[in-house]
Protein backbone atom coordinates (compact mmCIF):
# COMPACT_ATOMS: atom_id res chain seq x y z
CA MET A 1 64.50 33.93 -54.30
CA SER A 2 64.79 37.68 -52.94
CA GLU A 3 62.87 35.84 -50.07
CA ASN A 4 66.06 33.75 -49.37
CA LEU A 5 68.40 36.32 -49.64
CA THR A 6 66.10 37.96 -46.57
CA ASP A 7 66.17 35.32 -44.61
CA TRP A 8 70.27 35.07 -44.55
CA LYS A 9 70.73 38.50 -43.92
CA ALA A 10 68.07 38.75 -40.84
CA ILE A 11 69.61 35.49 -39.94
CA GLY A 12 73.56 37.17 -39.76
CA ASP A 13 72.37 40.16 -38.27
CA SER A 14 70.58 38.66 -35.28
CA LYS A 15 74.12 36.21 -34.70
CA ARG A 16 76.36 39.17 -35.19
CA ASP A 17 74.06 40.65 -32.49
CA VAL A 18 74.14 37.71 -30.19
CA LEU A 19 78.55 38.00 -30.76
CA LEU A 20 78.29 41.56 -30.04
CA SER A 21 76.45 40.86 -27.19
CA LEU A 22 79.31 38.61 -26.02
CA ILE A 23 81.98 40.86 -25.68
CA PRO A 24 81.82 43.18 -22.75
CA GLU A 25 81.19 47.18 -23.87
CA GLU A 26 84.73 47.99 -21.91
CA TRP A 27 86.88 45.79 -24.29
CA ARG A 28 85.20 47.32 -27.87
CA ILE A 29 86.85 49.54 -29.99
CA GLN A 30 85.35 52.45 -30.07
CA LEU A 31 84.00 54.06 -32.87
CA PRO A 32 85.22 56.18 -34.76
CA LEU A 33 89.51 55.62 -34.18
CA PRO A 34 91.34 58.32 -32.90
CA SER A 35 93.82 59.62 -36.17
CA PRO A 36 96.71 58.37 -35.92
CA ALA A 37 98.10 61.60 -35.85
CA ILE A 38 97.38 62.65 -32.03
CA LEU A 39 98.85 58.56 -31.26
CA PRO A 40 102.34 58.21 -29.99
CA ASP A 41 105.10 56.89 -31.89
CA VAL A 42 105.37 53.41 -29.74
CA THR A 43 107.17 51.85 -33.23
CA GLY A 44 110.83 52.47 -31.23
CA HIS A 45 109.31 50.52 -27.75
CA ILE A 46 110.16 46.80 -28.44
CA ARG A 47 113.40 47.57 -29.23
CA GLN A 48 114.39 47.02 -25.52
CA TYR A 49 112.91 43.51 -25.19
CA LEU A 50 114.52 42.84 -28.60
CA SER A 51 118.02 41.37 -28.98
CA LEU A 52 120.64 43.36 -31.97
CA LYS A 53 119.60 40.00 -34.53
CA GLU A 54 116.51 40.58 -34.10
CA VAL A 55 116.25 44.13 -34.40
CA GLU A 56 117.88 43.81 -37.50
CA ILE A 57 115.14 41.22 -39.21
CA THR A 58 113.11 43.31 -38.38
CA ASP A 59 114.59 46.47 -39.69
CA ARG A 60 115.44 44.43 -42.90
CA ARG A 61 112.27 43.69 -43.13
CA SER A 62 111.10 47.15 -43.48
CA ARG A 63 113.52 47.50 -46.25
CA TYR A 64 111.56 45.99 -48.85
CA PRO A 65 108.43 47.85 -49.57
CA GLU A 66 106.25 45.17 -51.29
CA THR A 67 105.78 41.96 -50.18
CA GLY A 68 106.79 40.44 -53.23
CA HIS A 69 109.95 41.22 -52.87
CA VAL A 70 110.45 38.73 -50.45
CA VAL A 71 108.24 36.23 -51.88
CA GLN A 72 110.74 36.36 -55.46
CA LEU A 73 113.69 35.40 -53.45
CA PRO A 74 113.29 31.91 -52.38
CA LYS A 75 111.99 31.73 -55.99
CA ARG A 76 114.85 32.47 -57.51
CA SER A 77 117.38 30.10 -54.87
CA ALA A 78 114.59 27.25 -55.78
CA ILE A 79 115.14 28.10 -59.38
CA GLU A 80 119.10 28.52 -59.29
CA GLN A 81 119.96 25.46 -57.07
CA ARG A 82 118.08 23.51 -59.79
CA TRP A 83 119.74 25.18 -61.94
CA LEU A 84 122.86 23.99 -60.49
CA ILE A 85 122.25 20.29 -59.70
CA ARG A 86 121.31 19.24 -63.16
CA TRP A 87 125.04 20.82 -64.11
């Protein structure tokens, strides 16, 4: 069993090395990554390319801290719709 595990790891390592060799060195992300504190804040940059409606939509999404809120809204609507159809 451990022999197969070793073979599997060696094969995986070999394939990873082959894939990495296909990516030019200058295209690779250099590690360690810079700290977010020293990077410029570019979150407002995209606004110049968006319509007012698109900005409103993207801002609205950020008001939901958890994706569960976004998922729950359509589920609740579907349940309410089913209830309305029955009556």
